[in-house]
């Protein structure tokens, strides 16, 4: 056996001391190799059958964190008149709020109920008299595009009134938003009439 053959034997069958020296010298390389094998093996084991389909099902089963959690009737809401027809209407503005209290969007149905309330502080809601009621759908993207105002960040609804309410009446608006899950959000607010709904004073002629 010549010196080349002896070198090959020593390389293929290193002594314990030489093997320890090799491991110490290249310990970083061995560590990276072991971690890589562990990660790749772990991914293969954790991969569910069906892959992305199971992931989509998990996401769908959890309610969206920015889904509407509360509702507010915006102060812009008022009784006014249609600028084109001059007919009385309720100009309603609704805010949907997420769990953090920030404005968000949603899908569902809205019910508005305008009632006349008693001036007496002790009067109960039983004495309230309904003036009008409206049901509005917010179930599609087109519905959202039609009603959502990017400037005020509210949903706007122009709701026709059959007759102008009495200027002396105290009006309260009840709003109810029903989500596709059946959960409901409610809000209410006293509503005022804009100056345009009040008839202009007539001037009496002076008798000369």
C-alpha atoms as a PDB file:
ATOM      1  CA  UNK A   1       0.000   0.000   0.000  1.00  0.00           C
ATOM      2  CA  UNK A   2       1.501   3.337  -1.070  1.00  0.00           C
ATOM      3  CA  UNK A   3       1.141   6.667   0.740  1.00  0.00           C
ATOM      4  CA  UNK A   4      -1.860   7.679  -1.346  1.00  0.00           C
ATOM      5  CA  UNK A   5      -3.812   4.584  -0.310  1.00  0.00           C
ATOM      6  CA  UNK A   6      -2.968   5.195   3.332  1.00  0.00           C
ATOM      7  CA  UNK A   7      -4.271   8.791   3.082  1.00  0.00           C
ATOM      8  CA  UNK A   8      -7.572   7.569   1.650  1.00  0.00           C
ATOM      9  CA  UNK A   9      -7.936   5.020   4.490  1.00  0.00           C
ATOM     10  CA  UNK A  10      -7.267   7.685   7.127  1.00  0.00           C
ATOM     11  CA  UNK A  11      -9.810   9.993   5.456  1.00  0.00           C
ATOM     12  CA  UNK A  12     -12.566   7.373   5.295  1.00  0.00           C
ATOM     13  CA  UNK A  13     -11.811   5.912   8.726  1.00  0.00           C
ATOM     14  CA  UNK A  14     -10.570   8.770  10.917  1.00  0.00           C
ATOM     15  CA  UNK A  15      -9.326   8.091  14.393  1.00  0.00           C
ATOM     16  CA  UNK A  16     -11.499   9.196  17.349  1.00  0.00           C
ATOM     17  CA  UNK A  17      -9.178  12.108  18.055  1.00  0.00           C
ATOM     18  CA  UNK A  18      -9.268  13.274  14.446  1.00  0.00           C
ATOM     19  CA  UNK A  19     -13.079  12.857  14.281  1.00  0.00           C
ATOM     20  CA  UNK A  20     -13.465  15.016  17.402  1.00  0.00           C
ATOM     21  CA  UNK A  21     -11.210  17.662  15.855  1.00  0.00           C
ATOM     22  CA  UNK A  22     -13.304  17.704  12.662  1.00  0.00           C
ATOM     23  CA  UNK A  23     -16.554  18.095  14.600  1.00  0.00           C
ATOM     24  CA  UNK A  24     -15.174  20.935  16.736  1.00  0.00           C
ATOM     25  CA  UNK A  25     -13.705  22.704  13.720  1.00  0.00           C
ATOM     26  CA  UNK A  26     -16.930  22.517  11.707  1.00  0.00           C
ATOM     27  CA  UNK A  27     -19.468  22.625  14.551  1.00  0.00           C
ATOM     28  CA  UNK A  28     -21.242  25.680  13.082  1.00  0.00           C
ATOM     29  CA  UNK A  29     -21.808  23.891   9.789  1.00  0.00           C
ATOM     30  CA  UNK A  30     -23.157  20.800  11.550  1.00  0.00           C
ATOM     31  CA  UNK A  31     -25.506  22.951  13.669  1.00  0.00           C
ATOM     32  CA  UNK A  32     -26.976  24.717  10.611  1.00  0.00           C
ATOM     33  CA  UNK A  33     -27.451  21.374   8.869  1.00  0.00           C
ATOM     34  CA  UNK A  34     -29.256  19.842  11.861  1.00  0.00           C
ATOM     35  CA  UNK A  35     -31.596  22.878  12.227  1.00  0.00           C
ATOM     36  CA  UNK A  36     -32.403  22.844   8.492  1.00  0.00           C
ATOM     37  CA  UNK A  37     -33.306  19.159   8.585  1.00  0.00           C
ATOM     38  CA  UNK A  38     -35.490  19.681  11.674  1.00  0.00           C
ATOM     39  CA  UNK A  39     -37.403  22.615  10.164  1.00  0.00           C
ATOM     40  CA  UNK A  40     -38.020  20.905   6.847  1.00  0.00           C
ATOM     41  CA  UNK A  41     -39.130  17.743   8.583  1.00  0.00           C
ATOM     42  CA  UNK A  42     -41.434  19.694  10.911  1.00  0.00           C
ATOM     43  CA  UNK A  43     -43.107  21.495   7.996  1.00  0.00           C
ATOM     44  CA  UNK A  44     -43.813  18.217   6.265  1.00  0.00           C
ATOM     45  CA  UNK A  45     -45.400  16.810   9.409  1.00  0.00           C
ATOM     46  CA  UNK A  46     -47.502  19.920  10.135  1.00  0.00           C
ATOM     47  CA  UNK A  47     -48.826  20.299   6.572  1.00  0.00           C
ATOM     48  CA  UNK A  48     -52.532  19.381   6.737  1.00  0.00           C
ATOM     49  CA  UNK A  49     -54.192  17.311   4.119  1.00  0.00           C
ATOM     50  CA  UNK A  50     -55.926  19.720   1.785  1.00  0.00           C
ATOM     51  CA  UNK A  51     -53.502  22.580   2.532  1.00  0.00           C
ATOM     52  CA  UNK A  52     -55.006  25.975   1.750  1.00  0.00           C
ATOM     53  CA  UNK A  53     -58.594  24.715   1.943  1.00  0.00           C
ATOM     54  CA  UNK A  54     -58.271  24.015   5.676  1.00  0.00           C
ATOM     55  CA  UNK A  55     -56.644  27.415   6.197  1.00  0.00           C
ATOM     56  CA  UNK A  56     -59.549  29.184   4.480  1.00  0.00           C
ATOM     57  CA  UNK A  57     -62.058  27.283   6.575  1.00  0.00           C
ATOM     58  CA  UNK A  58     -60.301  28.358   9.789  1.00  0.00           C
ATOM     59  CA  UNK A  59     -60.298  32.013   8.759  1.00  0.00           C
ATOM     60  CA  UNK A  60     -63.970  31.884   7.793  1.00  0.00           C
ATOM     61  CA  UNK A  61     -64.941  30.329  11.119  1.00  0.00           C
ATOM     62  CA  UNK A  62     -63.549  33.303  13.078  1.00  0.00           C
ATOM     63  CA  UNK A  63     -65.424  36.620  13.014  1.00  0.00           C
ATOM     64  CA  UNK A  64     -63.552  39.398  11.255  1.00  0.00           C
ATOM     65  CA  UNK A  65     -61.911  41.571  13.963  1.00  0.00           C
ATOM     66  CA  UNK A  66     -63.054  44.765  12.195  1.00  0.00           C
ATOM     67  CA  UNK A  67     -66.692  43.676  11.860  1.00  0.00           C
ATOM     68  CA  UNK A  68     -69.277  46.183  13.168  1.00  0.00           C
ATOM     69  CA  UNK A  69     -69.545  45.926  16.956  1.00  0.00           C
ATOM     70  CA  UNK A  70     -71.477  49.137  17.650  1.00  0.00           C
ATOM     71  CA  UNK A  71     -73.544  51.741  15.833  1.00  0.00           C
ATOM     72  CA  UNK A  72     -74.061  55.476  16.225  1.00  0.00           C
ATOM     73  CA  UNK A  73     -76.519  57.913  14.680  1.00  0.00           C
ATOM     74  CA  UNK A  74     -74.358  60.804  13.490  1.00  0.00           C
ATOM     75  CA  UNK A  75     -75.328  64.372  14.541  1.00  0.00           C
ATOM     76  CA  UNK A  76     -75.673  65.295  10.847  1.00  0.00           C
ATOM     77  CA  UNK A  77     -79.021  63.473  10.946  1.00  0.00           C
ATOM     78  CA  UNK A  78     -81.971  65.865  10.623  1.00  0.00           C
ATOM     79  CA  UNK A  79     -85.411  66.443   9.172  1.00  0.00           C
ATOM     80  CA  UNK A  80     -85.052  68.491   5.993  1.00  0.00           C
ATOM     81  CA  UNK A  81     -86.484  68.849   2.495  1.00  0.00           C
ATOM     82  CA  UNK A  82     -85.416  67.342  -0.804  1.00  0.00           C
ATOM     83  CA  UNK A  83     -83.586  70.040  -2.763  1.00  0.00           C
ATOM     84  CA  UNK A  84     -85.065  68.828  -6.047  1.00  0.00           C
ATOM     85  CA  UNK A  85     -88.674  68.076  -5.129  1.00  0.00           C
ATOM     86  CA  UNK A  86     -89.140  70.160  -1.985  1.00  0.00           C
ATOM     87  CA  UNK A  87     -90.652  67.124  -0.240  1.00  0.00           C
ATOM     88  CA  UNK A  88     -89.923  66.538   3.460  1.00  0.00           C
ATOM     89  CA  UNK A  89     -87.430  63.806   4.247  1.00  0.00           C
ATOM     90  CA  UNK A  90     -85.217  62.369   6.947  1.00  0.00           C
ATOM     91  CA  UNK A  91     -81.535  62.795   6.115  1.00  0.00           C
ATOM     92  CA  UNK A  92     -80.058  59.979   8.229  1.00  0.00           C
ATOM     93  CA  UNK A  93     -76.357  59.339   8.794  1.00  0.00           C
ATOM     94  CA  UNK A  94     -75.126  56.135  10.446  1.00  0.00           C
ATOM     95  CA  UNK A  95     -71.686  55.171  11.716  1.00  0.00           C
ATOM     96  CA  UNK A  96     -70.677  51.528  12.136  1.00  0.00           C
ATOM     97  CA  UNK A  97     -67.851  51.042  14.638  1.00  0.00           C
ATOM     98  CA  UNK A  98     -65.494  48.104  15.160  1.00  0.00           C
ATOM     99  CA  UNK A  99     -64.279  46.720  18.498  1.00  0.00           C
ATOM    100  CA  UNK A 100     -61.674  49.489  18.768  1.00  0.00           C
ATOM    101  CA  UNK A 101     -64.296  52.204  18.257  1.00  0.00           C
ATOM    102  CA  UNK A 102     -63.105  53.094  14.764  1.00  0.00           C
ATOM    103  CA  UNK A 103     -65.397  53.602  11.772  1.00  0.00           C
ATOM    104  CA  UNK A 104     -65.813  50.482   9.655  1.00  0.00           C
ATOM    105  CA  UNK A 105     -68.118  49.069   6.989  1.00  0.00           C
ATOM    106  CA  UNK A 106     -70.539  46.183   7.151  1.00  0.00           C
ATOM    107  CA  UNK A 107     -73.253  44.225   5.427  1.00  0.00           C
ATOM    108  CA  UNK A 108     -76.745  43.642   6.722  1.00  0.00           C
ATOM    109  CA  UNK A 109     -80.099  45.426   6.880  1.00  0.00           C
ATOM    110  CA  UNK A 110     -81.044  48.697   8.531  1.00  0.00           C
ATOM    111  CA  UNK A 111     -84.393  49.610  10.031  1.00  0.00           C
ATOM    112  CA  UNK A 112     -85.237  53.212  10.878  1.00  0.00           C
ATOM    113  CA  UNK A 113     -88.191  54.215  13.017  1.00  0.00           C
ATOM    114  CA  UNK A 114     -89.101  57.858  13.586  1.00  0.00           C
ATOM    115  CA  UNK A 115     -91.364  58.450  16.578  1.00  0.00           C
ATOM    116  CA  UNK A 116     -92.913  61.422  18.311  1.00  0.00           C
ATOM    117  CA  UNK A 117     -92.156  61.408  22.028  1.00  0.00           C
ATOM    118  CA  UNK A 118     -93.978  63.044  24.921  1.00  0.00           C
ATOM    119  CA  UNK A 119     -92.637  66.225  26.460  1.00  0.00           C
ATOM    120  CA  UNK A 120     -93.147  64.764  29.928  1.00  0.00           C
ATOM    121  CA  UNK A 121     -89.937  63.405  31.434  1.00  0.00           C
ATOM    122  CA  UNK A 122     -91.878  60.653  33.221  1.00  0.00           C
ATOM    123  CA  UNK A 123     -93.572  59.412  30.053  1.00  0.00           C
ATOM    124  CA  UNK A 124     -92.627  55.891  28.970  1.00  0.00           C
ATOM    125  CA  UNK A 125     -91.805  54.674  25.474  1.00  0.00           C
ATOM    126  CA  UNK A 126     -95.297  53.138  25.303  1.00  0.00           C
ATOM    127  CA  UNK A 127     -96.665  56.631  24.725  1.00  0.00           C
ATOM    128  CA  UNK A 128     -94.382  57.228  21.720  1.00  0.00           C
ATOM    129  CA  UNK A 129     -96.215  57.592  18.423  1.00  0.00           C
ATOM    130  CA  UNK A 130     -94.636  56.167  15.294  1.00  0.00           C
ATOM    131  CA  UNK A 131     -94.482  58.588  12.384  1.00  0.00           C
ATOM    132  CA  UNK A 132     -92.579  56.595   9.770  1.00  0.00           C
ATOM    133  CA  UNK A 133     -90.584  53.368   9.411  1.00  0.00           C
ATOM    134  CA  UNK A 134     -88.091  52.395   6.702  1.00  0.00           C
ATOM    135  CA  UNK A 135     -86.144  49.194   5.889  1.00  0.00           C
ATOM    136  CA  UNK A 136     -82.929  49.617   3.897  1.00  0.00           C
ATOM    137  CA  UNK A 137     -80.655  46.870   2.544  1.00  0.00           C
ATOM    138  CA  UNK A 138     -76.873  47.025   2.944  1.00  0.00           C
ATOM    139  CA  UNK A 139     -76.238  43.553   1.608  1.00  0.00           C
ATOM    140  CA  UNK A 140     -74.096  44.073  -1.501  1.00  0.00           C
ATOM    141  CA  UNK A 141     -71.051  46.016  -2.624  1.00  0.00           C
ATOM    142  CA  UNK A 142     -73.300  48.242  -4.732  1.00  0.00           C
ATOM    143  CA  UNK A 143     -75.388  49.067  -1.647  1.00  0.00           C
ATOM    144  CA  UNK A 144     -72.235  50.127   0.194  1.00  0.00           C
ATOM    145  CA  UNK A 145     -70.982  52.204  -2.711  1.00  0.00           C
ATOM    146  CA  UNK A 146     -74.348  53.930  -2.997  1.00  0.00           C
ATOM    147  CA  UNK A 147     -74.738  54.900   0.660  1.00  0.00           C
ATOM    148  CA  UNK A 148     -71.213  55.254   2.105  1.00  0.00           C
ATOM    149  CA  UNK A 149     -69.868  58.814   2.152  1.00  0.00           C
ATOM    150  CA  UNK A 150     -66.057  58.891   2.171  1.00  0.00           C
ATOM    151  CA  UNK A 151     -65.978  62.488   3.414  1.00  0.00           C
ATOM    152  CA  UNK A 152     -68.091  62.048   6.542  1.00  0.00           C
ATOM    153  CA  UNK A 153     -67.236  58.337   6.890  1.00  0.00           C
ATOM    154  CA  UNK A 154     -70.932  57.611   7.417  1.00  0.00           C
ATOM    155  CA  UNK A 155     -73.710  55.773   5.620  1.00  0.00           C
ATOM    156  CA  UNK A 156     -76.183  58.325   4.289  1.00  0.00           C
ATOM    157  CA  UNK A 157     -79.882  57.673   3.652  1.00  0.00           C
ATOM    158  CA  UNK A 158     -82.445  60.095   2.275  1.00  0.00           C
ATOM    159  CA  UNK A 159     -85.744  58.743   3.605  1.00  0.00           C
ATOM    160  CA  UNK A 160     -88.988  60.227   2.320  1.00  0.00           C
ATOM    161  CA  UNK A 161     -91.614  61.495   4.747  1.00  0.00           C
ATOM    162  CA  UNK A 162     -95.266  61.349   3.790  1.00  0.00           C
ATOM    163  CA  UNK A 163     -95.882  64.650   5.577  1.00  0.00           C
ATOM    164  CA  UNK A 164     -93.729  67.193   7.397  1.00  0.00           C
ATOM    165  CA  UNK A 165     -93.784  66.573  11.159  1.00  0.00           C
ATOM    166  CA  UNK A 166     -95.135  69.115  13.555  1.00  0.00           C
ATOM    167  CA  UNK A 167     -92.412  71.643  14.328  1.00  0.00           C
ATOM    168  CA  UNK A 168     -93.339  71.512  18.021  1.00  0.00           C
ATOM    169  CA  UNK A 169     -93.045  67.721  18.219  1.00  0.00           C
ATOM    170  CA  UNK A 170     -90.060  66.052  19.868  1.00  0.00           C
ATOM    171  CA  UNK A 171     -88.798  63.437  17.449  1.00  0.00           C
ATOM    172  CA  UNK A 172     -86.625  60.433  18.229  1.00  0.00           C
ATOM    173  CA  UNK A 173     -84.993  58.210  15.634  1.00  0.00           C
ATOM    174  CA  UNK A 174     -84.475  54.521  16.429  1.00  0.00           C
ATOM    175  CA  UNK A 175     -82.014  52.615  14.229  1.00  0.00           C
ATOM    176  CA  UNK A 176     -81.370  48.878  14.148  1.00  0.00           C
ATOM    177  CA  UNK A 177     -78.658  47.146  12.127  1.00  0.00           C
ATOM    178  CA  UNK A 178     -79.067  43.370  11.657  1.00  0.00           C
ATOM    179  CA  UNK A 179     -75.933  41.482  10.634  1.00  0.00           C
ATOM    180  CA  UNK A 180     -76.011  38.303   8.489  1.00  0.00           C
ATOM    181  CA  UNK A 181     -75.413  36.314  11.694  1.00  0.00           C
ATOM    182  CA  UNK A 182     -78.665  37.660  13.131  1.00  0.00           C
ATOM    183  CA  UNK A 183     -76.897  39.814  15.749  1.00  0.00           C
ATOM    184  CA  UNK A 184     -78.349  43.301  16.080  1.00  0.00           C
ATOM    185  CA  UNK A 185     -76.911  46.716  16.842  1.00  0.00           C
ATOM    186  CA  UNK A 186     -79.172  49.545  17.975  1.00  0.00           C
ATOM    187  CA  UNK A 187     -78.929  53.294  18.455  1.00  0.00           C
ATOM    188  CA  UNK A 188     -81.285  56.222  19.016  1.00  0.00           C
ATOM    189  CA  UNK A 189     -81.127  60.007  18.974  1.00  0.00           C
ATOM    190  CA  UNK A 190     -83.414  63.019  19.224  1.00  0.00           C
ATOM    191  CA  UNK A 191     -83.761  64.551  15.778  1.00  0.00           C
ATOM    192  CA  UNK A 192     -84.181  68.224  14.954  1.00  0.00           C
ATOM    193  CA  UNK A 193     -85.715  69.871  11.914  1.00  0.00           C
ATOM    194  CA  UNK A 194     -83.594  72.083   9.722  1.00  0.00           C
ATOM    195  CA  UNK A 195     -84.688  75.653   9.106  1.00  0.00           C
ATOM    196  CA  UNK A 196     -85.739  74.714   5.576  1.00  0.00           C
ATOM    197  CA  UNK A 197     -88.610  72.596   6.916  1.00  0.00           C
ATOM    198  CA  UNK A 198     -90.099  75.512   8.841  1.00  0.00           C
ATOM    199  CA  UNK A 199     -92.513  77.607   6.832  1.00  0.00           C
ATOM    200  CA  UNK A 200     -91.313  81.127   6.147  1.00  0.00           C
ATOM    201  CA  UNK A 201     -93.171  83.788   8.122  1.00  0.00           C
ATOM    202  CA  UNK A 202     -95.705  85.746   6.126  1.00  0.00           C
ATOM    203  CA  UNK A 203     -95.707  89.511   6.265  1.00  0.00           C
ATOM    204  CA  UNK A 204     -99.011  91.128   7.066  1.00  0.00           C
ATOM    205  CA  UNK A 205    -100.004  94.089   4.940  1.00  0.00           C
ATOM    206  CA  UNK A 206    -100.337  97.403   6.713  1.00  0.00           C
ATOM    207  CA  UNK A 207    -103.666  99.093   6.392  1.00  0.00           C
ATOM    208  CA  UNK A 208    -103.135 102.608   5.289  1.00  0.00           C
END
